[in-house]
Amino acid sequence: MSTVQEIEKAITQLPKDGLAVLREWFEEFDAKMWDRQFEEDAQSGKLEKLANEAIADFRAGRCVSHTEREKNIRIISARTATAQERRRHETESRKSQ
């Protein structure tokens, strides 16, 4: 049995409170690992290209404000809900014929 399998088995045997403690610990551990990787990538220059692309997009006017983005999401959501309702109504109409 591999170490991962042993860990998986041990996790399935944890009581609810032990699982909650593990989840909290892992979330913190995972966040620290992500932060460390991000710092390494930033220091090595891996993020330089992405940063330059973002700055160029901003300067070229290809970015929208958070408010504008939220407005667009609400519009799309409303259109999607309307289309879904129309399809549901059409499906019900066909069934009743």
Protein backbone atom coordinates (compact mmCIF):
# COMPACT_ATOMS: atom_id res chain seq x y z
CA MET A 1 0.00 0.00 0.00
CA SER A 2 1.35 3.45 -0.95
CA THR A 3 1.61 6.36 1.43
CA VAL A 4 -1.23 8.15 -0.37
CA GLN A 5 -3.48 5.12 -0.01
CA GLU A 6 -2.60 4.88 3.68
CA ILE A 7 -3.46 8.55 4.16
CA GLU A 8 -6.74 8.14 2.27
CA LYS A 9 -7.67 5.15 4.42
CA ALA A 10 -6.79 7.02 7.62
CA ILE A 11 -8.91 9.99 6.53
CA THR A 12 -11.96 7.79 5.93
CA GLN A 13 -11.65 6.57 9.52
CA LEU A 14 -11.56 10.04 11.11
CA PRO A 15 -14.49 11.17 13.23
CA LYS A 16 -16.31 14.33 12.07
CA ASP A 17 -14.41 16.61 14.44
CA GLY A 18 -11.08 15.11 13.36
CA LEU A 19 -12.04 15.60 9.72
CA ALA A 20 -12.87 19.24 10.42
CA VAL A 21 -9.47 19.77 12.04
CA LEU A 22 -7.75 18.07 9.10
CA ARG A 23 -9.71 20.16 6.58
CA GLU A 24 -8.75 23.38 8.37
CA TRP A 25 -5.10 22.33 8.58
CA PHE A 26 -5.00 21.31 4.91
CA GLU A 27 -6.61 24.54 3.71
CA GLU A 28 -3.96 26.51 5.58
CA PHE A 29 -1.17 24.22 4.34
CA ASP A 30 -2.41 24.43 0.74
CA ALA A 31 -2.64 28.24 0.91
CA LYS A 32 0.93 28.46 2.21
CA MET A 33 2.17 26.16 -0.58
CA TRP A 34 0.33 28.26 -3.18
CA ASP A 35 1.80 31.47 -1.76
CA ARG A 36 5.29 29.96 -1.80
CA GLN A 37 4.88 28.84 -5.44
CA PHE A 38 3.54 32.25 -6.43
CA GLU A 39 6.51 33.99 -4.80
CA GLU A 40 8.96 31.65 -6.54
CA ASP A 41 7.27 32.26 -9.90
CA ALA A 42 7.28 36.02 -9.34
CA GLN A 43 10.96 36.08 -8.35
CA SER A 44 11.99 33.87 -11.28
CA GLY A 45 10.24 36.12 -13.81
CA LYS A 46 7.62 33.55 -14.84
CA LEU A 47 4.84 36.06 -14.21
CA GLU A 48 6.51 38.89 -16.13
CA LYS A 49 4.89 37.99 -19.48
CA LEU A 50 1.43 37.76 -17.91
CA ALA A 51 1.89 41.07 -16.12
CA ASN A 52 3.01 42.79 -19.32
CA GLU A 53 0.03 41.36 -21.22
CA ALA A 54 -2.36 42.60 -18.53
CA ILE A 55 -0.81 46.08 -18.58
CA ALA A 56 -1.00 46.20 -22.39
CA ASP A 57 -4.66 45.11 -22.31
CA PHE A 58 -5.44 47.77 -19.72
CA ARG A 59 -3.68 50.51 -21.70
CA ALA A 60 -5.44 49.41 -24.90
CA GLY A 61 -8.84 49.70 -23.21
CA ARG A 62 -9.56 45.97 -23.30
CA CYS A 63 -10.40 45.84 -19.59
CA VAL A 64 -13.70 46.61 -17.89
CA SER A 65 -14.33 47.86 -14.41
CA HIS A 66 -15.60 45.54 -11.71
CA THR A 67 -18.96 47.36 -11.80
CA GLU A 68 -19.26 46.89 -15.56
CA ARG A 69 -18.32 43.22 -15.25
CA GLU A 70 -20.98 42.65 -12.58
CA LYS A 71 -23.58 44.41 -14.75
CA ASN A 72 -22.69 42.15 -17.70
CA ILE A 73 -22.94 39.04 -15.51
CA ARG A 74 -26.42 40.07 -14.33
CA ILE A 75 -27.56 40.64 -17.92
CA ILE A 76 -26.22 37.28 -19.08
CA SER A 77 -27.77 35.51 -16.08
CA ALA A 78 -31.16 37.06 -16.76
CA ARG A 79 -31.02 36.10 -20.44
CA THR A 80 -29.98 32.56 -19.55
CA ALA A 81 -32.83 32.21 -17.04
CA THR A 82 -35.31 33.55 -19.61
CA ALA A 83 -34.05 31.12 -22.28
CA GLN A 84 -34.21 28.21 -19.86
CA GLU A 85 -37.77 29.13 -18.87
CA ARG A 86 -38.77 29.40 -22.55
CA ARG A 87 -37.28 25.95 -23.30
CA ARG A 88 -39.05 24.46 -20.27
CA HIS A 89 -42.37 25.97 -21.40
CA GLU A 90 -41.87 24.69 -24.97
CA THR A 91 -41.06 21.21 -23.67
CA GLU A 92 -44.17 21.19 -21.47
CA SER A 93 -46.29 22.40 -24.40
CA ARG A 94 -45.03 19.59 -26.63
CA LYS A 95 -45.78 17.01 -23.94
CA SER A 96 -49.37 18.22 -23.57
CA GLN A 97 -50.11 17.96 -27.32
